Structure formats: structure tokens, C-alpha cells
């Protein structure tokens, strides 16, 4: 069973930055389609950013220019650099991995990001 463990969440002031990390177990990370989602209280889970080995990253319009997704295949880790945070970014952030060969979908347990003064 593939496991995803997020870290890096916390409390940050408006205008601040955080970097989320998601460590992925197993040996197939390099082929996975990776993504970050977020879910604010009382709202649905939405895609924030995604990255595949063969195409450029995709971002939701609300985070374009502020967030950057990246991956380190040597460390089996995907990152989400979040800059210029605002209170609307407050949410639980989830890491997602899709194995395109097996058609399997994996989720982490989430990490809470709170943007508040």
C-alpha cells in the first residue's frame, strides 16, 4: 500500500509563506501524477496544483503566481511552495498520487494551513 505523508502546515500571517511537503512510499514515485488539493471548512475539496512527469504544472486560478508545485524524484517527495498567503488560503491541504499504470489513486491525511493575523 502506497502511503503519503504531508508536513509543513501551520499558522502563518497574511502575506507570509509556507512550504508543504508530501513524502510518498514505494518505488514508482517518478511516474506518478502528483497533485495538491485543499478543503476549507464547509466546502468541497478542490484541486490546487498538479504535476505529471511529462507535462507542465497546472494551477488553479486562485493560486497562480503565488504557489509552485515541484517534485524531487530522488527523495520521493512533492512540494508546494506557497507565497503571499491570504486568509482565503486557509484549509486542510491534501497530497494526491495517481499511478497511471495501475489506475490507483492515493491520498494523504492532510495538513492544516491557517492564515490569520
Protein backbone atom coordinates (compact mmCIF):
# COMPACT_ATOMS: atom_id res chain seq x y z
CA UNK A 1 0.00 0.00 0.00
CA UNK A 2 1.39 3.37 -1.02
CA UNK A 3 1.46 5.91 1.80
CA UNK A 4 1.54 9.67 1.53
CA UNK A 5 2.56 11.82 4.49
CA UNK A 6 2.14 15.59 4.36
CA UNK A 7 4.02 18.05 6.53
CA UNK A 8 4.74 21.75 6.75
CA UNK A 9 1.35 23.16 7.62
CA UNK A 10 0.79 25.65 10.40
CA UNK A 11 -0.25 29.15 11.30
CA UNK A 12 1.06 31.99 9.18
CA UNK A 13 0.25 35.67 8.92
CA UNK A 14 -1.28 37.15 5.77
CA UNK A 15 1.44 37.81 3.22
CA UNK A 16 3.61 35.05 4.61
CA UNK A 17 4.92 31.85 3.08
CA UNK A 18 4.88 28.13 3.81
CA UNK A 19 6.27 25.09 2.07
CA UNK A 20 4.33 21.87 2.24
CA UNK A 21 5.99 18.52 1.69
CA UNK A 22 4.50 15.15 0.82
CA UNK A 23 6.64 12.07 1.20
CA UNK A 24 5.50 9.07 -0.83
CA UNK A 25 6.41 5.47 -0.08
CA UNK A 26 7.25 2.88 -2.69
CA UNK A 27 9.39 2.74 -5.78
CA UNK A 28 7.16 4.17 -8.50
CA UNK A 29 7.06 7.81 -7.47
CA UNK A 30 8.75 9.04 -10.64
CA UNK A 31 5.80 8.00 -12.80
CA UNK A 32 3.06 9.22 -10.50
CA UNK A 33 0.81 12.12 -11.33
CA UNK A 34 1.04 14.27 -8.22
CA UNK A 35 -1.34 16.91 -7.00
CA UNK A 36 -2.24 19.11 -4.07
CA UNK A 37 -5.87 19.66 -3.10
CA UNK A 38 -7.36 21.74 -0.34
CA UNK A 39 -10.59 21.73 1.59
CA UNK A 40 -11.77 24.74 3.52
CA UNK A 41 -14.33 24.34 6.33
CA UNK A 42 -17.76 23.63 4.91
CA UNK A 43 -16.51 23.47 1.34
CA UNK A 44 -15.64 20.77 -1.16
CA UNK A 45 -12.13 19.55 -1.81
CA UNK A 46 -10.61 21.45 -4.74
CA UNK A 47 -7.54 20.96 -6.89
CA UNK A 48 -4.80 23.50 -6.18
CA UNK A 49 -1.89 22.32 -8.31
CA UNK A 50 -0.84 19.25 -10.23
CA UNK A 51 2.30 17.90 -11.82
CA UNK A 52 2.95 14.98 -14.13
CA UNK A 53 6.29 13.66 -15.38
CA UNK A 54 5.51 14.54 -18.98
CA UNK A 55 3.72 17.87 -18.86
CA UNK A 56 3.95 21.28 -17.27
CA UNK A 57 2.36 22.04 -13.95
CA UNK A 58 -1.23 23.14 -13.68
CA UNK A 59 -2.58 25.63 -11.15
CA UNK A 60 -5.97 26.78 -10.06
CA UNK A 61 -6.51 30.42 -11.00
CA UNK A 62 -6.75 31.40 -7.33
CA UNK A 63 -3.12 30.43 -6.68
CA UNK A 64 -1.40 31.18 -9.99
CA UNK A 65 1.70 33.27 -9.48
CA UNK A 66 1.72 32.55 -5.74
CA UNK A 67 2.05 28.77 -5.42
CA UNK A 68 4.60 26.47 -7.02
CA UNK A 69 4.45 22.68 -7.16
CA UNK A 70 7.70 20.76 -7.54
CA UNK A 71 8.96 17.25 -7.07
CA UNK A 72 12.19 15.53 -6.13
CA UNK A 73 12.18 12.03 -7.55
CA UNK A 74 15.33 11.11 -5.62
CA UNK A 75 13.51 11.83 -2.35
CA UNK A 76 10.05 10.57 -3.39
CA UNK A 77 8.70 13.94 -2.34
CA UNK A 78 6.44 16.58 -3.82
CA UNK A 79 6.37 20.15 -2.53
CA UNK A 80 4.00 23.06 -2.59
CA UNK A 81 5.65 26.42 -2.08
CA UNK A 82 3.01 28.91 -1.04
CA UNK A 83 3.77 32.62 -1.09
CA UNK A 84 1.72 35.73 -0.42
CA UNK A 85 -0.78 33.75 1.59
CA UNK A 86 -4.14 35.24 2.42
CA UNK A 87 -6.95 34.13 4.77
CA UNK A 88 -8.81 32.53 1.84
CA UNK A 89 -5.97 30.01 1.58
CA UNK A 90 -6.89 28.60 4.99
CA UNK A 91 -7.71 24.93 4.51
CA UNK A 92 -6.58 21.39 5.03
CA UNK A 93 -4.14 20.59 2.22
CA UNK A 94 -4.08 17.06 0.86
CA UNK A 95 -1.49 15.33 -1.26
CA UNK A 96 -2.72 13.02 -4.02
CA UNK A 97 -0.88 10.49 -6.16
CA UNK A 98 -2.21 8.69 -9.20
CA UNK A 99 -0.43 5.67 -10.62
CA UNK A 100 -1.16 5.90 -14.36
CA UNK A 101 -0.19 2.27 -14.99
CA UNK A 102 -2.32 0.68 -12.28
CA UNK A 103 -5.07 3.28 -12.25
CA UNK A 104 -4.70 3.58 -8.47
CA UNK A 105 -5.40 6.74 -6.51
CA UNK A 106 -3.76 7.53 -3.16
CA UNK A 107 -4.34 10.26 -0.58
CA UNK A 108 -2.53 11.62 2.43
CA UNK A 109 -4.29 12.55 5.66
CA UNK A 110 -3.81 16.26 5.14
CA UNK A 111 -2.03 19.13 6.82
CA UNK A 112 -3.77 22.23 8.14
CA UNK A 113 -2.78 25.67 6.90
CA UNK A 114 -4.21 28.62 8.77
CA UNK A 115 -3.63 32.15 7.51
CA UNK A 116 -4.54 34.66 10.17
CA UNK A 117 -3.20 37.70 11.95
